[in-house]
Every structure is written in structure tokens, then in C-alpha cells.
């Protein structure tokens, strides 16, 4: 019996180096995790290549194959402001605001876990939090945030960018 590779494995192979593919295989073979390639770039550049970023949480049920059309409209800006304000309130109320040098709240045009069979247009976005602890902005580590941002209308998932600096930059592209 011939087992055919999943069609999306070709996309992963075309978008990653052999070393990155080996690292994904090493990580996914040690525990029951799932890997997916997102159609965007984040913060990490090391040498001539982009670093791998990991997202932890619930399994991404459906492969991300497109992005949500996003323009700087009042609604999109309002949603991002609401999320940023809520994230700031959480930091202040938990006593963590003074420890964090900066925390960009980034909206990405990805609607996770859409049923591919429904063929509905992508309409939600997701948030990436990058809470950054540093004294000099030359090196840094990240801190954690609660999951309350999922209550913001139009947000399908909240991700944390835990990439240290270096190799990452403090901001997103």
C-alpha cells in the first residue's frame, strides 16, 4: 500500500530550509504536537535566515491557507485599540506593567480554525503579544499575558511571540 504525503508538506518544504525541516521533525517526534506554517513573517532574523517561532496552545484544526483582507479602517483600528487597551489594563491590574519595557499588540490577518468545507470568507484576525523585559533593548526575555483578549470581537486566536533578542528584534515587521 502506498501512503501519499499530505499536500501541504510541499508548502512547508518550499518555505523552509533543510535545517528548519529537521528541527520541526525533531520537535514533533518527541511529543504529540502539531506544526503549521503561517503565511507571514515575524521578528527573528539570524544571519541570512529567518528564525523559527513556536506557537503553543490548542491544536490548529484547519490549515491556514489564506489571510483576512485587512485595511486601516475605523473598525480595524478600533478593534486593535480595544485589544491594546485591554492588554494594558491586565498588565496594570496584575502589577506587571512596571516590569515590562514594552508590549506591542500586533494584529495579524489570520482567521484560525475555519472549516475548509464551508468555504466561508476569512473574516476574523488574531493577535500576537510580545511582552518584552529588558534594561537596554539589546537583549531581552518575554513575560506572559492572560487569555482575556479572546473576548475582543473579531479575534480568533491570541499568540505569544516568545522569541528572545537576539536573534529577534523587539518589534514586528
Protein backbone atom coordinates (compact mmCIF):
# COMPACT_ATOMS: atom_id res chain seq x y z
CA UNK A 1 0.00 0.00 0.00
CA UNK A 2 1.38 3.40 -0.97
CA UNK A 3 0.95 6.23 1.52
CA UNK A 4 0.81 9.65 -0.10
CA UNK A 5 2.30 12.67 1.70
CA UNK A 6 -0.07 15.43 2.74
CA UNK A 7 -0.29 18.08 0.01
CA UNK A 8 0.70 20.89 2.38
CA UNK A 9 4.02 19.25 3.24
CA UNK A 10 5.31 20.58 -0.07
CA UNK A 11 4.49 24.12 1.02
CA UNK A 12 6.41 23.62 4.26
CA UNK A 13 9.36 22.16 2.35
CA UNK A 14 9.39 25.06 -0.12
CA UNK A 15 9.18 27.70 2.63
CA UNK A 16 11.84 26.32 4.97
CA UNK A 17 15.47 25.26 4.88
CA UNK A 18 16.57 21.64 5.40
CA UNK A 19 17.86 22.61 8.86
CA UNK A 20 14.46 24.11 9.78
CA UNK A 21 12.70 21.00 8.49
CA UNK A 22 14.98 18.80 10.59
CA UNK A 23 14.24 20.93 13.68
CA UNK A 24 10.48 20.70 13.09
CA UNK A 25 10.78 16.92 12.70
CA UNK A 26 12.90 16.64 15.87
CA UNK A 27 10.43 18.65 17.95
CA UNK A 28 7.29 16.99 16.60
CA UNK A 29 8.66 13.46 17.02
CA UNK A 30 9.23 13.84 20.78
CA UNK A 31 5.69 14.65 21.82
CA UNK A 32 2.17 14.79 20.42
CA UNK A 33 2.40 18.24 18.86
CA UNK A 34 1.20 19.56 15.56
CA UNK A 35 3.09 22.00 13.39
CA UNK A 36 1.77 24.51 10.90
CA UNK A 37 3.37 27.16 8.75
CA UNK A 38 1.77 30.60 8.92
CA UNK A 39 1.70 32.82 5.83
CA UNK A 40 3.56 35.72 7.48
CA UNK A 41 6.94 36.83 8.78
CA UNK A 42 7.64 37.74 12.37
CA UNK A 43 10.62 39.22 14.20
CA UNK A 44 13.52 36.78 14.02
CA UNK A 45 16.42 37.10 11.63
CA UNK A 46 19.69 35.34 12.35
CA UNK A 47 22.50 35.54 9.82
CA UNK A 48 20.93 35.24 6.39
CA UNK A 49 17.89 33.28 7.52
CA UNK A 50 14.68 33.76 9.44
CA UNK A 51 14.41 32.03 12.80
CA UNK A 52 11.64 29.58 13.65
CA UNK A 53 8.98 30.81 16.05
CA UNK A 54 6.81 28.44 18.05
CA UNK A 55 3.16 28.88 18.99
CA UNK A 56 1.86 26.82 21.89
CA UNK A 57 -1.77 26.22 22.69
CA UNK A 58 -4.68 24.37 21.22
CA UNK A 59 -4.06 22.47 18.02
CA UNK A 60 -4.75 24.50 14.90
CA UNK A 61 -7.55 22.36 13.49
CA UNK A 62 -7.60 23.66 9.93
CA UNK A 63 -4.59 24.58 7.81
CA UNK A 64 -4.20 28.33 7.30
CA UNK A 65 -4.28 28.82 3.55
CA UNK A 66 -5.28 32.46 3.18
CA UNK A 67 -5.40 35.75 5.01
CA UNK A 68 -8.22 38.05 6.03
CA UNK A 69 -8.33 41.14 3.78
CA UNK A 70 -7.33 43.95 6.13
CA UNK A 71 -7.22 47.69 5.59
CA UNK A 72 -6.78 50.58 8.02
CA UNK A 73 -10.48 51.18 8.50
CA UNK A 74 -12.07 52.64 11.62
CA UNK A 75 -13.38 49.18 12.60
CA UNK A 76 -9.96 47.50 12.33
CA UNK A 77 -8.24 50.33 14.21
CA UNK A 78 -10.97 50.28 16.87
CA UNK A 79 -10.56 46.51 17.37
CA UNK A 80 -6.79 46.87 17.75
CA UNK A 81 -7.20 49.80 20.18
CA UNK A 82 -9.67 47.75 22.24
CA UNK A 83 -7.24 44.83 22.40
CA UNK A 84 -4.29 47.09 23.26
CA UNK A 85 -6.28 48.83 26.00
CA UNK A 86 -7.42 45.52 27.48
CA UNK A 87 -3.85 44.17 27.44
CA UNK A 88 -2.61 47.33 29.19
CA UNK A 89 -5.38 47.08 31.82
CA UNK A 90 -4.42 43.47 32.52
CA UNK A 91 -0.76 44.40 32.93
CA UNK A 92 -1.60 47.25 35.31
CA UNK A 93 -4.12 45.27 37.39
CA UNK A 94 -1.71 42.35 37.77
CA UNK A 95 1.17 44.60 38.84
CA UNK A 96 3.33 43.67 35.85
CA UNK A 97 3.26 46.95 33.91
CA UNK A 98 6.37 48.37 35.60
CA UNK A 99 8.41 45.24 34.77
CA UNK A 100 7.68 45.23 31.03
CA UNK A 101 9.71 47.60 28.87
CA UNK A 102 7.21 47.42 26.01
CA UNK A 103 4.49 45.15 24.73
CA UNK A 104 3.45 45.54 21.12
CA UNK A 105 -0.02 44.16 20.46
CA UNK A 106 0.10 43.10 16.82
CA UNK A 107 -2.99 42.26 14.78
CA UNK A 108 -2.33 39.67 12.09
CA UNK A 109 -4.76 38.90 9.24
CA UNK A 110 -5.20 35.23 10.10
CA UNK A 111 -8.54 33.60 10.92
CA UNK A 112 -7.73 30.29 12.62
CA UNK A 113 -9.84 27.14 12.72
CA UNK A 114 -12.18 27.92 9.82
CA UNK A 115 -13.90 24.84 8.44
CA UNK A 116 -12.47 24.37 4.95
CA UNK A 117 -15.63 22.58 3.80
CA UNK A 118 -17.79 25.65 4.49
CA UNK A 119 -15.79 27.83 2.09
CA UNK A 120 -16.72 30.98 4.03
CA UNK A 121 -14.52 34.01 3.55
CA UNK A 122 -11.89 34.72 6.17
CA UNK A 123 -13.30 37.49 8.38
CA UNK A 124 -11.50 37.39 11.74
CA UNK A 125 -7.98 38.32 12.73
CA UNK A 126 -5.65 37.23 15.51
CA UNK A 127 -3.41 39.00 17.98
CA UNK A 128 0.26 38.47 18.74
CA UNK A 129 1.57 39.74 22.07
CA UNK A 130 5.26 40.46 22.53
CA UNK A 131 5.74 41.43 26.20
CA UNK A 132 9.39 42.36 26.44
CA UNK A 133 11.56 42.58 29.58
CA UNK A 134 14.86 44.40 29.11
CA UNK A 135 17.18 47.01 30.57
CA UNK A 136 18.98 48.01 27.38
CA UNK A 137 16.86 46.76 24.43
CA UNK A 138 19.92 44.79 23.27
CA UNK A 139 18.83 41.58 24.99
CA UNK A 140 15.50 40.61 26.45
CA UNK A 141 13.02 37.97 27.54
CA UNK A 142 9.26 37.89 27.38
CA UNK A 143 6.53 37.70 30.01
CA UNK A 144 3.10 36.04 29.93
CA UNK A 145 -0.37 37.53 29.45
CA UNK A 146 -3.80 36.18 30.36
CA UNK A 147 -6.22 34.88 27.73
CA UNK A 148 -8.83 37.62 28.17
CA UNK A 149 -8.12 39.13 24.76
CA UNK A 150 -10.17 36.39 23.09
CA UNK A 151 -13.22 38.32 24.29
CA UNK A 152 -12.47 41.12 21.82
CA UNK A 153 -14.97 40.84 18.92
CA UNK A 154 -13.42 39.64 15.67
CA UNK A 155 -10.39 37.94 17.27
CA UNK A 156 -9.98 34.23 16.51
CA UNK A 157 -6.76 33.49 18.44
CA UNK A 158 -4.12 35.14 20.64
CA UNK A 159 -0.49 34.14 20.08
CA UNK A 160 2.63 34.95 22.06
CA UNK A 161 5.88 35.74 20.33
CA UNK A 162 8.43 34.26 22.73
CA UNK A 163 11.46 34.74 20.51
CA UNK A 164 14.38 36.11 22.56
CA UNK A 165 16.54 39.00 21.39
CA UNK A 166 18.86 38.23 19.74
CA UNK A 167 18.02 36.80 17.20
CA UNK A 168 14.66 38.60 17.14
CA UNK A 169 14.06 42.31 17.10
CA UNK A 170 11.83 43.95 19.69
CA UNK A 171 9.22 44.93 17.09
CA UNK A 172 7.39 43.07 14.35
CA UNK A 173 7.80 43.82 10.64
